[in-house]
PDB file of all heavy atoms in Angstrom:
ATOM      1  N   GLY A   1      -2.232 -14.815 -28.407  1.00  0.00           N
ATOM      2  CA  GLY A   1      -2.352 -14.169 -29.698  1.00  0.00           C
ATOM      3  C   GLY A   1      -3.778 -14.011 -30.164  1.00  0.00           C
ATOM      4  O   GLY A   1      -4.035 -13.272 -31.130  1.00  0.00           O
ATOM      5  N   GLY A   2      -4.685 -14.671 -29.496  1.00  0.00           N
ATOM      6  CA  GLY A   2      -6.075 -14.610 -29.869  1.00  0.00           C
ATOM      7  C   GLY A   2      -6.802 -13.429 -29.267  1.00  0.00           C
ATOM      8  O   GLY A   2      -6.212 -12.578 -28.603  1.00  0.00           O
ATOM      9  N   SER A   3      -8.105 -13.404 -29.483  1.00  0.00           N
ATOM     10  CA  SER A   3      -8.946 -12.311 -29.023  1.00  0.00           C
ATOM     11  C   SER A   3     -10.155 -12.831 -28.267  1.00  0.00           C
ATOM     12  O   SER A   3     -10.602 -13.958 -28.472  1.00  0.00           O
ATOM     13  CB  SER A   3      -9.429 -11.468 -30.207  1.00  0.00           C
ATOM     14  OG  SER A   3      -8.351 -10.859 -30.890  1.00  0.00           O
ATOM     15  N   LEU A   4     -10.669 -11.982 -27.415  1.00  0.00           N
ATOM     16  CA  LEU A   4     -11.847 -12.310 -26.636  1.00  0.00           C
ATOM     17  C   LEU A   4     -12.563 -11.010 -26.290  1.00  0.00           C
ATOM     18  O   LEU A   4     -11.910  -9.990 -26.047  1.00  0.00           O
ATOM     19  CB  LEU A   4     -11.456 -13.058 -25.368  1.00  0.00           C
ATOM     20  CG  LEU A   4     -12.521 -13.868 -24.630  1.00  0.00           C
ATOM     21  CD1 LEU A   4     -13.021 -15.017 -25.500  1.00  0.00           C
ATOM     22  CD2 LEU A   4     -11.940 -14.417 -23.330  1.00  0.00           C
ATOM     23  N   ARG A   5     -13.867 -11.059 -26.264  1.00  0.00           N
ATOM     24  CA  ARG A   5     -14.663  -9.901 -25.877  1.00  0.00           C
ATOM     25  C   ARG A   5     -15.519 -10.284 -24.681  1.00  0.00           C
ATOM     26  O   ARG A   5     -16.295 -11.231 -24.751  1.00  0.00           O
ATOM     27  CB  ARG A   5     -15.552  -9.439 -27.032  1.00  0.00           C
ATOM     28  CG  ARG A   5     -16.335  -8.157 -26.743  1.00  0.00           C
ATOM     29  CD  ARG A   5     -17.155  -7.744 -27.963  1.00  0.00           C
ATOM     30  NE  ARG A   5     -17.903  -6.517 -27.747  1.00  0.00           N
ATOM     31  CZ  ARG A   5     -17.442  -5.301 -27.975  1.00  0.00           C
ATOM     32  NH1 ARG A   5     -16.204  -5.128 -28.433  1.00  0.00           N
ATOM     33  NH2 ARG A   5     -18.203  -4.236 -27.752  1.00  0.00           N
ATOM     34  N   ILE A   6     -15.358  -9.544 -23.602  1.00  0.00           N
ATOM     35  CA  ILE A   6     -16.166  -9.772 -22.419  1.00  0.00           C
ATOM     36  C   ILE A   6     -17.094  -8.585 -22.211  1.00  0.00           C
ATOM     37  O   ILE A   6     -16.792  -7.461 -22.609  1.00  0.00           O
ATOM     38  CB  ILE A   6     -15.308 -10.027 -21.156  1.00  0.00           C
ATOM     39  CG1 ILE A   6     -14.320  -8.886 -20.907  1.00  0.00           C
ATOM     40  CG2 ILE A   6     -14.561 -11.351 -21.294  1.00  0.00           C
ATOM     41  CD1 ILE A   6     -13.521  -9.041 -19.625  1.00  0.00           C
ATOM     42  N   SER A   7     -18.223  -8.854 -21.584  1.00  0.00           N
ATOM     43  CA  SER A   7     -19.228  -7.825 -21.413  1.00  0.00           C
ATOM     44  C   SER A   7     -19.736  -7.793 -19.983  1.00  0.00           C
ATOM     45  O   SER A   7     -19.620  -8.767 -19.242  1.00  0.00           O
ATOM     46  CB  SER A   7     -20.399  -8.059 -22.368  1.00  0.00           C
ATOM     47  OG  SER A   7     -19.993  -7.986 -23.715  1.00  0.00           O
ATOM     48  N   CYS A   8     -20.297  -6.667 -19.631  1.00  0.00           N
ATOM     49  CA  CYS A   8     -20.874  -6.451 -18.315  1.00  0.00           C
ATOM     50  C   CYS A   8     -22.229  -5.804 -18.512  1.00  0.00           C
ATOM     51  O   CYS A   8     -22.330  -4.720 -19.109  1.00  0.00           O
ATOM     52  CB  CYS A   8     -19.946  -5.550 -17.491  1.00  0.00           C
ATOM     53  SG  CYS A   8     -20.651  -4.894 -15.976  1.00  0.00           S
ATOM     54  N   VAL A   9     -23.264  -6.461 -18.029  1.00  0.00           N
ATOM     55  CA  VAL A   9     -24.621  -5.948 -18.158  1.00  0.00           C
ATOM     56  C   VAL A   9     -25.109  -5.455 -16.805  1.00  0.00           C
ATOM     57  O   VAL A   9     -25.009  -6.173 -15.805  1.00  0.00           O
ATOM     58  CB  VAL A   9     -25.574  -7.024 -18.712  1.00  0.00           C
ATOM     59  CG1 VAL A   9     -26.995  -6.475 -18.799  1.00  0.00           C
ATOM     60  CG2 VAL A   9     -25.106  -7.490 -20.080  1.00  0.00           C
ATOM     61  N   ALA A  10     -25.622  -4.252 -16.788  1.00  0.00           N
ATOM     62  CA  ALA A  10     -26.131  -3.650 -15.566  1.00  0.00           C
ATOM     63  C   ALA A  10     -27.628  -3.861 -15.439  1.00  0.00           C
ATOM     64  O   ALA A  10     -28.349  -3.948 -16.434  1.00  0.00           O
ATOM     65  CB  ALA A  10     -25.813  -2.162 -15.526  1.00  0.00           C
ATOM     66  N   SER A  11     -28.097  -3.922 -14.212  1.00  0.00           N
ATOM     67  CA  SER A  11     -29.507  -4.162 -13.947  1.00  0.00           C
ATOM     68  C   SER A  11     -30.374  -2.926 -14.128  1.00  0.00           C
ATOM     69  O   SER A  11     -31.599  -3.032 -14.142  1.00  0.00           O
ATOM     70  CB  SER A  11     -29.681  -4.691 -12.519  1.00  0.00           C
ATOM     71  OG  SER A  11     -29.221  -3.741 -11.578  1.00  0.00           O
ATOM     72  N   GLU A  12     -29.754  -1.777 -14.256  1.00  0.00           N
ATOM     73  CA  GLU A  12     -30.475  -0.541 -14.454  1.00  0.00           C
ATOM     74  C   GLU A  12     -29.627   0.399 -15.294  1.00  0.00           C
ATOM     75  O   GLU A  12     -28.491   0.084 -15.636  1.00  0.00           O
ATOM     76  CB  GLU A  12     -30.848   0.106 -13.114  1.00  0.00           C
ATOM     77  CG  GLU A  12     -29.656   0.457 -12.244  1.00  0.00           C
ATOM     78  CD  GLU A  12     -30.059   0.922 -10.862  1.00  0.00           C
ATOM     79  OE1 GLU A  12     -30.731   0.157 -10.151  1.00  0.00           O
ATOM     80  OE2 GLU A  12     -29.707   2.068 -10.503  1.00  0.00           O
ATOM     81  N   SER A  13     -30.170   1.543 -15.606  1.00  0.00           N
ATOM     82  CA  SER A  13     -29.485   2.492 -16.469  1.00  0.00           C
ATOM     83  C   SER A  13     -28.113   2.880 -15.928  1.00  0.00           C
ATOM     84  O   SER A  13     -27.944   3.147 -14.748  1.00  0.00           O
ATOM     85  CB  SER A  13     -30.335   3.749 -16.646  1.00  0.00           C
ATOM     86  OG  SER A  13     -29.646   4.719 -17.412  1.00  0.00           O
ATOM     87  N   ILE A  14     -27.133   2.920 -16.831  1.00  0.00           N
ATOM     88  CA  ILE A  14     -25.800   3.394 -16.470  1.00  0.00           C
ATOM     89  C   ILE A  14     -25.507   4.750 -17.104  1.00  0.00           C
ATOM     90  O   ILE A  14     -24.396   5.263 -16.980  1.00  0.00           O
ATOM     91  CB  ILE A  14     -24.702   2.386 -16.869  1.00  0.00           C
ATOM     92  CG1 ILE A  14     -24.672   2.195 -18.394  1.00  0.00           C
ATOM     93  CG2 ILE A  14     -24.895   1.058 -16.157  1.00  0.00           C
ATOM     94  CD1 ILE A  14     -23.446   1.439 -18.884  1.00  0.00           C
ATOM     95  N   ARG A  15     -26.487   5.318 -17.752  1.00  0.00           N
ATOM     96  CA  ARG A  15     -26.284   6.568 -18.483  1.00  0.00           C
ATOM     97  C   ARG A  15     -25.692   7.659 -17.614  1.00  0.00           C
ATOM     98  O   ARG A  15     -24.858   8.441 -18.077  1.00  0.00           O
ATOM     99  CB  ARG A  15     -27.613   7.030 -19.081  1.00  0.00           C
ATOM    100  CG  ARG A  15     -27.528   8.315 -19.882  1.00  0.00           C
ATOM    101  CD  ARG A  15     -28.850   8.648 -20.533  1.00  0.00           C
ATOM    102  NE  ARG A  15     -29.897   8.834 -19.545  1.00  0.00           N
ATOM    103  CZ  ARG A  15     -30.151   9.982 -18.917  1.00  0.00           C
ATOM    104  NH1 ARG A  15     -29.417  11.058 -19.183  1.00  0.00           N
ATOM    105  NH2 ARG A  15     -31.135  10.065 -18.036  1.00  0.00           N
ATOM    106  N   ARG A  16     -26.116   7.733 -16.361  1.00  0.00           N
ATOM    107  CA  ARG A  16     -25.657   8.793 -15.472  1.00  0.00           C
ATOM    108  C   ARG A  16     -24.478   8.392 -14.595  1.00  0.00           C
ATOM    109  O   ARG A  16     -24.063   9.172 -13.746  1.00  0.00           O
ATOM    110  CB  ARG A  16     -26.809   9.294 -14.610  1.00  0.00           C
ATOM    111  CG  ARG A  16     -27.827  10.094 -15.406  1.00  0.00           C
ATOM    112  CD  ARG A  16     -28.977  10.562 -14.558  1.00  0.00           C
ATOM    113  NE  ARG A  16     -29.815  11.508 -15.278  1.00  0.00           N
ATOM    114  CZ  ARG A  16     -30.956  11.994 -14.837  1.00  0.00           C
ATOM    115  NH1 ARG A  16     -31.414  11.626 -13.652  1.00  0.00           N
ATOM    116  NH2 ARG A  16     -31.645  12.851 -15.574  1.00  0.00           N
ATOM    117  N   ILE A  17     -23.968   7.199 -14.800  1.00  0.00           N
ATOM    118  CA  ILE A  17     -22.757   6.804 -14.102  1.00  0.00           C
ATOM    119  C   ILE A  17     -21.574   7.296 -14.921  1.00  0.00           C
ATOM    120  O   ILE A  17     -21.334   6.809 -16.028  1.00  0.00           O
ATOM    121  CB  ILE A  17     -22.681   5.279 -13.891  1.00  0.00           C
ATOM    122  CG1 ILE A  17     -23.879   4.809 -13.071  1.00  0.00           C
ATOM    123  CG2 ILE A  17     -21.370   4.902 -13.205  1.00  0.00           C
ATOM    124  CD1 ILE A  17     -23.938   3.306 -12.874  1.00  0.00           C
ATOM    125  N   ARG A  18     -20.871   8.266 -14.387  1.00  0.00           N
ATOM    126  CA  ARG A  18     -19.800   8.920 -15.122  1.00  0.00           C
ATOM    127  C   ARG A  18     -18.777   7.924 -15.666  1.00  0.00           C
ATOM    128  O   ARG A  18     -18.425   7.962 -16.845  1.00  0.00           O
ATOM    129  CB  ARG A  18     -19.118   9.957 -14.226  1.00  0.00           C
ATOM    130  CG  ARG A  18     -17.826  10.545 -14.785  1.00  0.00           C
ATOM    131  CD  ARG A  18     -18.075  11.416 -15.983  1.00  0.00           C
ATOM    132  NE  ARG A  18     -16.845  12.074 -16.403  1.00  0.00           N
ATOM    133  CZ  ARG A  18     -16.699  12.746 -17.519  1.00  0.00           C
ATOM    134  NH1 ARG A  18     -17.723  12.868 -18.362  1.00  0.00           N
ATOM    135  NH2 ARG A  18     -15.533  13.303 -17.810  1.00  0.00           N
ATOM    136  N   THR A  19     -18.309   7.042 -14.789  1.00  0.00           N
ATOM    137  CA  THR A  19     -17.228   6.152 -15.174  1.00  0.00           C
ATOM    138  C   THR A  19     -17.565   4.696 -14.884  1.00  0.00           C
ATOM    139  O   THR A  19     -18.025   4.358 -13.789  1.00  0.00           O
ATOM    140  CB  THR A  19     -15.924   6.520 -14.439  1.00  0.00           C
ATOM    141  OG1 THR A  19     -15.622   7.903 -14.657  1.00  0.00           O
ATOM    142  CG2 THR A  19     -14.763   5.673 -14.943  1.00  0.00           C
ATOM    143  N   MET A  20     -17.318   3.851 -15.871  1.00  0.00           N
ATOM    144  CA  MET A  20     -17.383   2.413 -15.722  1.00  0.00           C
ATOM    145  C   MET A  20     -15.994   1.863 -16.015  1.00  0.00           C
ATOM    146  O   MET A  20     -15.259   2.420 -16.832  1.00  0.00           O
ATOM    147  CB  MET A  20     -18.399   1.800 -16.678  1.00  0.00           C
ATOM    148  CG  MET A  20     -19.830   2.279 -16.481  1.00  0.00           C
ATOM    149  SD  MET A  20     -20.568   1.660 -14.949  1.00  0.00           S
ATOM    150  CE  MET A  20     -20.645  -0.103 -15.297  1.00  0.00           C
ATOM    151  N   GLY A  21     -15.647   0.786 -15.356  1.00  0.00           N
ATOM    152  CA  GLY A  21     -14.306   0.267 -15.545  1.00  0.00           C
ATOM    153  C   GLY A  21     -14.205  -1.239 -15.491  1.00  0.00           C
ATOM    154  O   GLY A  21     -15.154  -1.938 -15.120  1.00  0.00           O
ATOM    155  N   TRP A  22     -13.037  -1.710 -15.880  1.00  0.00           N
ATOM    156  CA  TRP A  22     -12.683  -3.118 -15.788  1.00  0.00           C
ATOM    157  C   TRP A  22     -11.428  -3.265 -14.933  1.00  0.00           C
ATOM    158  O   TRP A  22     -10.475  -2.481 -15.085  1.00  0.00           O
ATOM    159  CB  TRP A  22     -12.416  -3.738 -17.157  1.00  0.00           C
ATOM    160  CG  TRP A  22     -13.643  -4.031 -17.958  1.00  0.00           C
ATOM    161  CD1 TRP A  22     -14.190  -3.279 -18.945  1.00  0.00           C
ATOM    162  CD2 TRP A  22     -14.462  -5.200 -17.843  1.00  0.00           C
ATOM    163  NE1 TRP A  22     -15.297  -3.884 -19.459  1.00  0.00           N
ATOM    164  CE2 TRP A  22     -15.494  -5.075 -18.802  1.00  0.00           C
ATOM    165  CE3 TRP A  22     -14.434  -6.336 -17.039  1.00  0.00           C
ATOM    166  CZ2 TRP A  22     -16.489  -6.042 -18.965  1.00  0.00           C
ATOM    167  CZ3 TRP A  22     -15.420  -7.293 -17.200  1.00  0.00           C
ATOM    168  CH2 TRP A  22     -16.423  -7.140 -18.150  1.00  0.00           C
ATOM    169  N   PHE A  23     -11.457  -4.252 -14.068  1.00  0.00           N
ATOM    170  CA  PHE A  23     -10.311  -4.632 -13.263  1.00  0.00           C
ATOM    171  C   PHE A  23     -10.061  -6.116 -13.463  1.00  0.00           C
ATOM    172  O   PHE A  23     -10.917  -6.839 -13.978  1.00  0.00           O
ATOM    173  CB  PHE A  23     -10.563  -4.353 -11.770  1.00  0.00           C
ATOM    174  CG  PHE A  23     -10.552  -2.899 -11.392  1.00  0.00           C
ATOM    175  CD1 PHE A  23     -11.551  -2.046 -11.826  1.00  0.00           C
ATOM    176  CD2 PHE A  23      -9.553  -2.389 -10.574  1.00  0.00           C
ATOM    177  CE1 PHE A  23     -11.563  -0.711 -11.475  1.00  0.00           C
ATOM    178  CE2 PHE A  23      -9.547  -1.055 -10.207  1.00  0.00           C
ATOM    179  CZ  PHE A  23     -10.549  -0.216 -10.657  1.00  0.00           C
ATOM    180  N   ARG A  24      -8.902  -6.579 -13.037  1.00  0.00           N
ATOM    181  CA  ARG A  24      -8.620  -8.001 -13.103  1.00  0.00           C
ATOM    182  C   ARG A  24      -7.781  -8.422 -11.907  1.00  0.00           C
ATOM    183  O   ARG A  24      -7.080  -7.616 -11.314  1.00  0.00           O
ATOM    184  CB  ARG A  24      -7.916  -8.378 -14.408  1.00  0.00           C
ATOM    185  CG  ARG A  24      -6.506  -7.830 -14.548  1.00  0.00           C
ATOM    186  CD  ARG A  24      -5.968  -8.136 -15.942  1.00  0.00           C
ATOM    187  NE  ARG A  24      -4.605  -7.662 -16.106  1.00  0.00           N
ATOM    188  CZ  ARG A  24      -3.943  -7.711 -17.253  1.00  0.00           C
ATOM    189  NH1 ARG A  24      -4.520  -8.221 -18.345  1.00  0.00           N
ATOM    190  NH2 ARG A  24      -2.697  -7.260 -17.315  1.00  0.00           N
ATOM    191  N   GLN A  25      -7.867  -9.699 -11.584  1.00  0.00           N
ATOM    192  CA  GLN A  25      -7.091 -10.231 -10.482  1.00  0.00           C
ATOM    193  C   GLN A  25      -6.640 -11.647 -10.810  1.00  0.00           C
ATOM    194  O   GLN A  25      -7.461 -12.521 -11.087  1.00  0.00           O
ATOM    195  CB  GLN A  25      -7.899 -10.233  -9.184  1.00  0.00           C
ATOM    196  CG  GLN A  25      -7.086 -10.635  -7.965  1.00  0.00           C
ATOM    197  CD  GLN A  25      -7.812 -10.336  -6.668  1.00  0.00           C
ATOM    198  OE1 GLN A  25      -9.036 -10.230  -6.633  1.00  0.00           O
ATOM    199  NE2 GLN A  25      -7.052 -10.194  -5.594  1.00  0.00           N
ATOM    200  N   ALA A  26      -5.340 -11.843 -10.776  1.00  0.00           N
ATOM    201  CA  ALA A  26      -4.746 -13.147 -10.994  1.00  0.00           C
ATOM    202  C   ALA A  26      -4.335 -13.734  -9.650  1.00  0.00           C
ATOM    203  O   ALA A  26      -4.083 -12.998  -8.692  1.00  0.00           O
ATOM    204  CB  ALA A  26      -3.533 -13.036 -11.911  1.00  0.00           C
ATOM    205  N   PRO A  27      -4.236 -15.059  -9.554  1.00  0.00           N
ATOM    206  CA  PRO A  27      -3.805 -15.679  -8.298  1.00  0.00           C
ATOM    207  C   PRO A  27      -2.471 -15.122  -7.832  1.00  0.00           C
ATOM    208  O   PRO A  27      -1.533 -14.999  -8.620  1.00  0.00           O
ATOM    209  CB  PRO A  27      -3.699 -17.161  -8.656  1.00  0.00           C
ATOM    210  CG  PRO A  27      -4.676 -17.338  -9.769  1.00  0.00           C
ATOM    211  CD  PRO A  27      -4.574 -16.072 -10.570  1.00  0.00           C
ATOM    212  N   GLY A  28      -2.397 -14.781  -6.550  1.00  0.00           N
ATOM    213  CA  GLY A  28      -1.171 -14.258  -5.993  1.00  0.00           C
ATOM    214  C   GLY A  28      -0.924 -12.786  -6.257  1.00  0.00           C
ATOM    215  O   GLY A  28       0.127 -12.263  -5.863  1.00  0.00           O
ATOM    216  N   LYS A  29      -1.843 -12.119  -6.905  1.00  0.00           N
ATOM    217  CA  LYS A  29      -1.691 -10.705  -7.216  1.00  0.00           C
ATOM    218  C   LYS A  29      -2.890  -9.923  -6.698  1.00  0.00           C
ATOM    219  O   LYS A  29      -3.976 -10.472  -6.504  1.00  0.00           O
ATOM    220  CB  LYS A  29      -1.553 -10.491  -8.720  1.00  0.00           C
ATOM    221  CG  LYS A  29      -0.340 -11.156  -9.340  1.00  0.00           C
ATOM    222  CD  LYS A  29      -0.276 -10.907 -10.832  1.00  0.00           C
ATOM    223  CE  LYS A  29      -0.071  -9.440 -11.152  1.00  0.00           C
ATOM    224  NZ  LYS A  29       0.036  -9.197 -12.616  1.00  0.00           N
ATOM    225  N   GLN A  30      -2.674  -8.643  -6.474  1.00  0.00           N
ATOM    226  CA  GLN A  30      -3.768  -7.766  -6.093  1.00  0.00           C
ATOM    227  C   GLN A  30      -4.621  -7.445  -7.310  1.00  0.00           C
ATOM    228  O   GLN A  30      -4.169  -7.532  -8.452  1.00  0.00           O
ATOM    229  CB  GLN A  30      -3.234  -6.462  -5.496  1.00  0.00           C
ATOM    230  CG  GLN A  30      -2.583  -6.597  -4.139  1.00  0.00           C
ATOM    231  CD  GLN A  30      -2.375  -5.251  -3.483  1.00  0.00           C
ATOM    232  OE1 GLN A  30      -3.308  -4.695  -2.887  1.00  0.00           O
ATOM    233  NE2 GLN A  30      -1.174  -4.727  -3.605  1.00  0.00           N
ATOM    234  N   ARG A  31      -5.850  -7.080  -7.041  1.00  0.00           N
ATOM    235  CA  ARG A  31      -6.709  -6.643  -8.121  1.00  0.00           C
ATOM    236  C   ARG A  31      -6.134  -5.365  -8.730  1.00  0.00           C
ATOM    237  O   ARG A  31      -5.743  -4.445  -8.009  1.00  0.00           O
ATOM    238  CB  ARG A  31      -8.127  -6.393  -7.603  1.00  0.00           C
ATOM    239  CG  ARG A  31      -9.129  -6.076  -8.690  1.00  0.00           C
ATOM    240  CD  ARG A  31     -10.556  -6.087  -8.151  1.00  0.00           C
ATOM    241  NE  ARG A  31     -10.936  -7.396  -7.657  1.00  0.00           N
ATOM    242  CZ  ARG A  31     -12.169  -7.728  -7.280  1.00  0.00           C
ATOM    243  NH1 ARG A  31     -13.146  -6.825  -7.350  1.00  0.00           N
ATOM    244  NH2 ARG A  31     -12.423  -8.945  -6.830  1.00  0.00           N
ATOM    245  N   GLU A  32      -6.070  -5.327 -10.032  1.00  0.00           N
ATOM    246  CA  GLU A  32      -5.491  -4.178 -10.703  1.00  0.00           C
ATOM    247  C   GLU A  32      -6.466  -3.578 -11.707  1.00  0.00           C
ATOM    248  O   GLU A  32      -7.257  -4.280 -12.333  1.00  0.00           O
ATOM    249  CB  GLU A  32      -4.182  -4.552 -11.412  1.00  0.00           C
ATOM    250  CG  GLU A  32      -4.345  -5.555 -12.546  1.00  0.00           C
ATOM    251  CD  GLU A  32      -3.062  -5.797 -13.312  1.00  0.00           C
ATOM    252  OE1 GLU A  32      -2.119  -4.993 -13.190  1.00  0.00           O
ATOM    253  OE2 GLU A  32      -3.001  -6.806 -14.045  1.00  0.00           O
ATOM    254  N   TRP A  33      -6.374  -2.294 -11.862  1.00  0.00           N
ATOM    255  CA  TRP A  33      -7.182  -1.579 -12.817  1.00  0.00           C
ATOM    256  C   TRP A  33      -6.708  -1.874 -14.232  1.00  0.00           C
ATOM    257  O   TRP A  33      -5.509  -1.914 -14.501  1.00  0.00           O
ATOM    258  CB  TRP A  33      -7.097  -0.075 -12.533  1.00  0.00           C
ATOM    259  CG  TRP A  33      -7.692   0.786 -13.591  1.00  0.00           C
ATOM    260  CD1 TRP A  33      -9.016   0.973 -13.854  1.00  0.00           C
ATOM    261  CD2 TRP A  33      -6.974   1.599 -14.518  1.00  0.00           C
ATOM    262  NE1 TRP A  33      -9.178   1.851 -14.904  1.00  0.00           N
ATOM    263  CE2 TRP A  33      -7.939   2.253 -15.322  1.00  0.00           C
ATOM    264  CE3 TRP A  33      -5.622   1.842 -14.746  1.00  0.00           C
ATOM    265  CZ2 TRP A  33      -7.586   3.131 -16.334  1.00  0.00           C
ATOM    266  CZ3 TRP A  33      -5.264   2.720 -15.751  1.00  0.00           C
ATOM    267  CH2 TRP A  33      -6.233   3.350 -16.537  1.00  0.00           C
TER     268      TRP A  33
END
């Protein structure tokens, strides 16, 4: 029921990277978008 904010910092400009995304993977499961 709570909230959390996670972040991803890039080492260089991401301005020209069309798409950025988040995936997750739990034990026993494939990585999912």
